[in-house]
């Protein structure tokens, strides 16, 4: 019996651009998170801690 699965992927971008319109463009392009250089290690750790592989039936 075949099962249909939906894999949920979280997509983040890392860029040197952090103005409001840059963030809006990233969201419009489908990114879930917009990170700005220089990257804060605590921010990345928090982001990765909240992301887990997910498969939905």
PDB file of N, CA and C in Angstrom:
ATOM      1  N   UNK A   1       0.850  -1.174   0.000  1.00  0.00           N
ATOM      2  CA  UNK A   1       0.000   0.000   0.000  1.00  0.00           C
ATOM      3  C   UNK A   1       0.899   1.242   0.000  1.00  0.00           C
ATOM      4  N   UNK A   2       0.713   2.071  -0.977  1.00  0.00           N
ATOM      5  CA  UNK A   2       1.490   3.307  -1.075  1.00  0.00           C
ATOM      6  C   UNK A   2       0.944   4.354  -0.112  1.00  0.00           C
ATOM      7  N   UNK A   3       1.831   5.112   0.474  1.00  0.00           N
ATOM      8  CA  UNK A   3       1.434   6.198   1.378  1.00  0.00           C
ATOM      9  C   UNK A   3       1.930   7.517   0.816  1.00  0.00           C
ATOM     10  N   UNK A   4       1.132   8.526   1.023  1.00  0.00           N
ATOM     11  CA  UNK A   4       1.542   9.863   0.618  1.00  0.00           C
ATOM     12  C   UNK A   4       2.146  10.573   1.822  1.00  0.00           C
ATOM     13  N   UNK A   5       3.327  11.114   1.643  1.00  0.00           N
ATOM     14  CA  UNK A   5       3.999  11.852   2.693  1.00  0.00           C
ATOM     15  C   UNK A   5       4.269  13.265   2.203  1.00  0.00           C
ATOM     16  N   UNK A   6       4.223  14.179   3.126  1.00  0.00           N
ATOM     17  CA  UNK A   6       4.576  15.562   2.817  1.00  0.00           C
ATOM     18  C   UNK A   6       5.777  15.922   3.681  1.00  0.00           C
ATOM     19  N   UNK A   7       6.876  16.225   3.034  1.00  0.00           N
ATOM     20  CA  UNK A   7       8.086  16.619   3.744  1.00  0.00           C
ATOM     21  C   UNK A   7       8.081  18.140   3.865  1.00  0.00           C
ATOM     22  N   UNK A   8       8.262  18.628   5.079  1.00  0.00           N
ATOM     23  CA  UNK A   8       8.268  20.058   5.340  1.00  0.00           C
ATOM     24  C   UNK A   8       9.720  20.510   5.458  1.00  0.00           C
ATOM     25  N   UNK A   9      10.086  21.510   4.670  1.00  0.00           N
ATOM     26  CA  UNK A   9      11.455  22.008   4.638  1.00  0.00           C
ATOM     27  C   UNK A   9      11.468  23.462   5.096  1.00  0.00           C
ATOM     28  N   UNK A  10      12.389  23.801   5.968  1.00  0.00           N
ATOM     29  CA  UNK A  10      12.584  25.181   6.390  1.00  0.00           C
ATOM     30  C   UNK A  10      13.753  25.750   5.610  1.00  0.00           C
ATOM     31  N   UNK A  11      13.529  26.893   4.978  1.00  0.00           N
ATOM     32  CA  UNK A  11      14.559  27.505   4.140  1.00  0.00           C
ATOM     33  C   UNK A  11      14.974  28.842   4.739  1.00  0.00           C
ATOM     34  N   UNK A  12      16.287  29.017   4.888  1.00  0.00           N
ATOM     35  CA  UNK A  12      16.839  30.261   5.445  1.00  0.00           C
ATOM     36  C   UNK A  12      17.838  30.851   4.471  1.00  0.00           C
ATOM     37  N   UNK A  13      17.929  32.171   4.484  1.00  0.00           N
ATOM     38  CA  UNK A  13      18.977  32.810   3.697  1.00  0.00           C
ATOM     39  C   UNK A  13      19.891  33.586   4.626  1.00  0.00           C
ATOM     40  N   UNK A  14      21.140  33.728   4.195  1.00  0.00           N
ATOM     41  CA  UNK A  14      22.149  34.479   4.944  1.00  0.00           C
ATOM     42  C   UNK A  14      22.738  35.484   3.976  1.00  0.00           C
ATOM     43  N   UNK A  15      22.629  36.752   4.310  1.00  0.00           N
ATOM     44  CA  UNK A  15      23.047  37.806   3.402  1.00  0.00           C
ATOM     45  C   UNK A  15      23.611  38.987   4.180  1.00  0.00           C
ATOM     46  N   UNK A  16      24.222  39.878   3.482  1.00  0.00           N
ATOM     47  CA  UNK A  16      24.717  41.107   4.085  1.00  0.00           C
ATOM     48  C   UNK A  16      23.688  42.219   4.040  1.00  0.00           C
ATOM     49  N   UNK A  17      22.531  41.931   3.494  1.00  0.00           N
ATOM     50  CA  UNK A  17      21.481  42.938   3.338  1.00  0.00           C
ATOM     51  C   UNK A  17      20.392  42.716   4.373  1.00  0.00           C
ATOM     52  N   UNK A  18      20.117  43.739   5.198  1.00  0.00           N
ATOM     53  CA  UNK A  18      19.163  43.561   6.280  1.00  0.00           C
ATOM     54  C   UNK A  18      18.121  44.651   6.387  1.00  0.00           C
ATOM     55  N   UNK A  19      17.932  45.410   5.317  1.00  0.00           N
ATOM     56  CA  UNK A  19      16.896  46.445   5.345  1.00  0.00           C
ATOM     57  C   UNK A  19      15.516  45.784   5.245  1.00  0.00           C
ATOM     58  N   UNK A  20      14.506  46.516   5.622  1.00  0.00           N
ATOM     59  CA  UNK A  20      13.135  45.993   5.609  1.00  0.00           C
ATOM     60  C   UNK A  20      12.762  45.420   4.246  1.00  0.00           C
ATOM     61  N   UNK A  21      13.104  46.145   3.165  1.00  0.00           N
ATOM     62  CA  UNK A  21      12.729  45.653   1.841  1.00  0.00           C
ATOM     63  C   UNK A  21      13.502  44.381   1.469  1.00  0.00           C
ATOM     64  N   UNK A  22      14.710  44.214   1.999  1.00  0.00           N
ATOM     65  CA  UNK A  22      15.469  42.978   1.768  1.00  0.00           C
ATOM     66  C   UNK A  22      14.776  41.790   2.432  1.00  0.00           C
ATOM     67  N   UNK A  23      14.302  42.007   3.646  1.00  0.00           N
ATOM     68  CA  UNK A  23      13.596  40.956   4.377  1.00  0.00           C
ATOM     69  C   UNK A  23      12.291  40.620   3.671  1.00  0.00           C
ATOM     70  N   UNK A  24      11.570  41.626   3.235  1.00  0.00           N
ATOM     71  CA  UNK A  24      10.300  41.407   2.525  1.00  0.00           C
ATOM     72  C   UNK A  24      10.534  40.621   1.236  1.00  0.00           C
ATOM     73  N   UNK A  25      11.610  40.936   0.525  1.00  0.00           N
ATOM     74  CA  UNK A  25      11.917  40.213  -0.715  1.00  0.00           C
ATOM     75  C   UNK A  25      12.259  38.755  -0.427  1.00  0.00           C
ATOM     76  N   UNK A  26      12.976  38.509   0.662  1.00  0.00           N
ATOM     77  CA  UNK A  26      13.322  37.132   1.022  1.00  0.00           C
ATOM     78  C   UNK A  26      12.066  36.336   1.358  1.00  0.00           C
ATOM     79  N   UNK A  27      11.169  36.936   2.108  1.00  0.00           N
ATOM     80  CA  UNK A  27       9.913  36.265   2.458  1.00  0.00           C
ATOM     81  C   UNK A  27       9.087  36.008   1.201  1.00  0.00           C
ATOM     82  N   UNK A  28       9.032  37.001   0.317  1.00  0.00           N
ATOM     83  CA  UNK A  28       8.276  36.845  -0.934  1.00  0.00           C
ATOM     84  C   UNK A  28       8.869  35.739  -1.807  1.00  0.00           C
ATOM     85  N   UNK A  29      10.174  35.524  -1.691  1.00  0.00           N
ATOM     86  CA  UNK A  29      10.840  34.477  -2.468  1.00  0.00           C
ATOM     87  C   UNK A  29      10.656  33.098  -1.853  1.00  0.00           C
ATOM     88  N   UNK A  30      10.063  33.031  -0.654  1.00  0.00           N
ATOM     89  CA  UNK A  30       9.779  31.741  -0.033  1.00  0.00           C
ATOM     90  C   UNK A  30      10.670  31.351   1.123  1.00  0.00           C
ATOM     91  N   UNK A  31      11.570  32.242   1.536  1.00  0.00           N
ATOM     92  CA  UNK A  31      12.419  31.922   2.679  1.00  0.00           C
ATOM     93  C   UNK A  31      11.624  32.018   3.969  1.00  0.00           C
ATOM     94  N   UNK A  32      11.906  31.108   4.894  1.00  0.00           N
ATOM     95  CA  UNK A  32      11.254  31.124   6.212  1.00  0.00           C
ATOM     96  C   UNK A  32      11.982  32.048   7.182  1.00  0.00           C
ATOM     97  N   UNK A  33      13.286  32.190   6.982  1.00  0.00           N
ATOM     98  CA  UNK A  33      14.110  32.991   7.876  1.00  0.00           C
ATOM     99  C   UNK A  33      15.103  33.801   7.058  1.00  0.00           C
ATOM    100  N   UNK A  34      15.387  35.006   7.524  1.00  0.00           N
ATOM    101  CA  UNK A  34      16.344  35.894   6.863  1.00  0.00           C
ATOM    102  C   UNK A  34      17.398  36.273   7.896  1.00  0.00           C
ATOM    103  N   UNK A  35      18.610  35.798   7.690  1.00  0.00           N
ATOM    104  CA  UNK A  35      19.709  36.078   8.615  1.00  0.00           C
ATOM    105  C   UNK A  35      20.662  37.058   7.954  1.00  0.00           C
ATOM    106  N   UNK A  36      21.209  37.978   8.757  1.00  0.00           N
ATOM    107  CA  UNK A  36      22.080  39.025   8.232  1.00  0.00           C
ATOM    108  C   UNK A  36      23.485  38.841   8.799  1.00  0.00           C
ATOM    109  N   UNK A  37      24.480  39.001   7.914  1.00  0.00           N
ATOM    110  CA  UNK A  37      25.882  38.950   8.326  1.00  0.00           C
ATOM    111  C   UNK A  37      26.233  40.237   9.067  1.00  0.00           C
ATOM    112  N   UNK A  38      27.119  40.225  10.027  1.00  0.00           N
ATOM    113  CA  UNK A  38      27.754  39.036  10.568  1.00  0.00           C
ATOM    114  C   UNK A  38      26.747  38.242  11.395  1.00  0.00           C
ATOM    115  N   UNK A  39      26.795  36.955  11.236  1.00  0.00           N
ATOM    116  CA  UNK A  39      25.835  36.067  11.873  1.00  0.00           C
ATOM    117  C   UNK A  39      26.098  35.968  13.372  1.00  0.00           C
ATOM    118  N   UNK A  40      25.042  36.133  14.136  1.00  0.00           N
ATOM    119  CA  UNK A  40      25.107  35.957  15.581  1.00  0.00           C
ATOM    120  C   UNK A  40      24.976  34.456  15.869  1.00  0.00           C
ATOM    121  N   UNK A  41      26.001  33.827  16.457  1.00  0.00           N
ATOM    122  CA  UNK A  41      25.944  32.380  16.704  1.00  0.00           C
ATOM    123  C   UNK A  41      24.752  31.957  17.555  1.00  0.00           C
ATOM    124  N   UNK A  42      24.348  32.789  18.516  1.00  0.00           N
ATOM    125  CA  UNK A  42      23.194  32.445  19.349  1.00  0.00           C
ATOM    126  C   UNK A  42      21.912  32.427  18.526  1.00  0.00           C
ATOM    127  N   UNK A  43      21.808  33.346  17.563  1.00  0.00           N
ATOM    128  CA  UNK A  43      20.631  33.390  16.695  1.00  0.00           C
ATOM    129  C   UNK A  43      20.567  32.119  15.834  1.00  0.00           C
ATOM    130  N   UNK A  44      21.700  31.706  15.293  1.00  0.00           N
ATOM    131  CA  UNK A  44      21.734  30.494  14.478  1.00  0.00           C
ATOM    132  C   UNK A  44      21.406  29.261  15.319  1.00  0.00           C
ATOM    133  N   UNK A  45      21.968  29.190  16.517  1.00  0.00           N
ATOM    134  CA  UNK A  45      21.693  28.058  17.401  1.00  0.00           C
ATOM    135  C   UNK A  45      20.203  27.974  17.734  1.00  0.00           C
ATOM    136  N   UNK A  46      19.590  29.112  18.023  1.00  0.00           N
ATOM    137  CA  UNK A  46      18.157  29.137  18.325  1.00  0.00           C
ATOM    138  C   UNK A  46      17.341  28.711  17.113  1.00  0.00           C
ATOM    139  N   UNK A  47      17.731  29.183  15.952  1.00  0.00           N
ATOM    140  CA  UNK A  47      17.021  28.823  14.728  1.00  0.00           C
ATOM    141  C   UNK A  47      17.108  27.322  14.478  1.00  0.00           C
ATOM    142  N   UNK A  48      18.307  26.777  14.543  1.00  0.00           N
ATOM    143  CA  UNK A  48      18.491  25.348  14.290  1.00  0.00           C
ATOM    144  C   UNK A  48      17.846  24.491  15.367  1.00  0.00           C
ATOM    145  N   UNK A  49      17.797  24.997  16.589  1.00  0.00           N
ATOM    146  CA  UNK A  49      17.151  24.251  17.663  1.00  0.00           C
ATOM    147  C   UNK A  49      15.652  24.140  17.471  1.00  0.00           C
ATOM    148  N   UNK A  50      15.078  25.088  16.744  1.00  0.00           N
ATOM    149  CA  UNK A  50      13.634  25.064  16.508  1.00  0.00           C
ATOM    150  C   UNK A  50      13.240  24.358  15.230  1.00  0.00           C
ATOM    151  N   UNK A  51      14.238  23.865  14.497  1.00  0.00           N
ATOM    152  CA  UNK A  51      13.967  23.197  13.226  1.00  0.00           C
ATOM    153  C   UNK A  51      14.289  21.721  13.390  1.00  0.00           C
ATOM    154  N   UNK A  52      13.320  20.911  13.115  1.00  0.00           N
ATOM    155  CA  UNK A  52      13.527  19.462  13.175  1.00  0.00           C
ATOM    156  C   UNK A  52      12.942  18.851  11.908  1.00  0.00           C
ATOM    157  N   UNK A  53      13.535  17.774  11.434  1.00  0.00           N
ATOM    158  CA  UNK A  53      12.961  17.117  10.253  1.00  0.00           C
ATOM    159  C   UNK A  53      11.508  16.730  10.536  1.00  0.00           C
ATOM    160  N   UNK A  54      10.650  17.027   9.600  1.00  0.00           N
ATOM    161  CA  UNK A  54       9.231  16.772   9.785  1.00  0.00           C
ATOM    162  C   UNK A  54       8.671  16.061   8.564  1.00  0.00           C
ATOM    163  N   UNK A  55       7.944  14.998   8.814  1.00  0.00           N
ATOM    164  CA  UNK A  55       7.218  14.303   7.754  1.00  0.00           C
ATOM    165  C   UNK A  55       5.775  14.227   8.202  1.00  0.00           C
ATOM    166  N   UNK A  56       4.897  14.697   7.350  1.00  0.00           N
ATOM    167  CA  UNK A  56       3.468  14.661   7.666  1.00  0.00           C
ATOM    168  C   UNK A  56       2.763  13.675   6.760  1.00  0.00           C
ATOM    169  N   UNK A  57       1.820  12.954   7.307  1.00  0.00           N
ATOM    170  CA  UNK A  57       1.024  11.985   6.538  1.00  0.00           C
ATOM    171  C   UNK A  57      -0.186  12.675   5.954  1.00  0.00           C
TER     172      UNK A  57
END
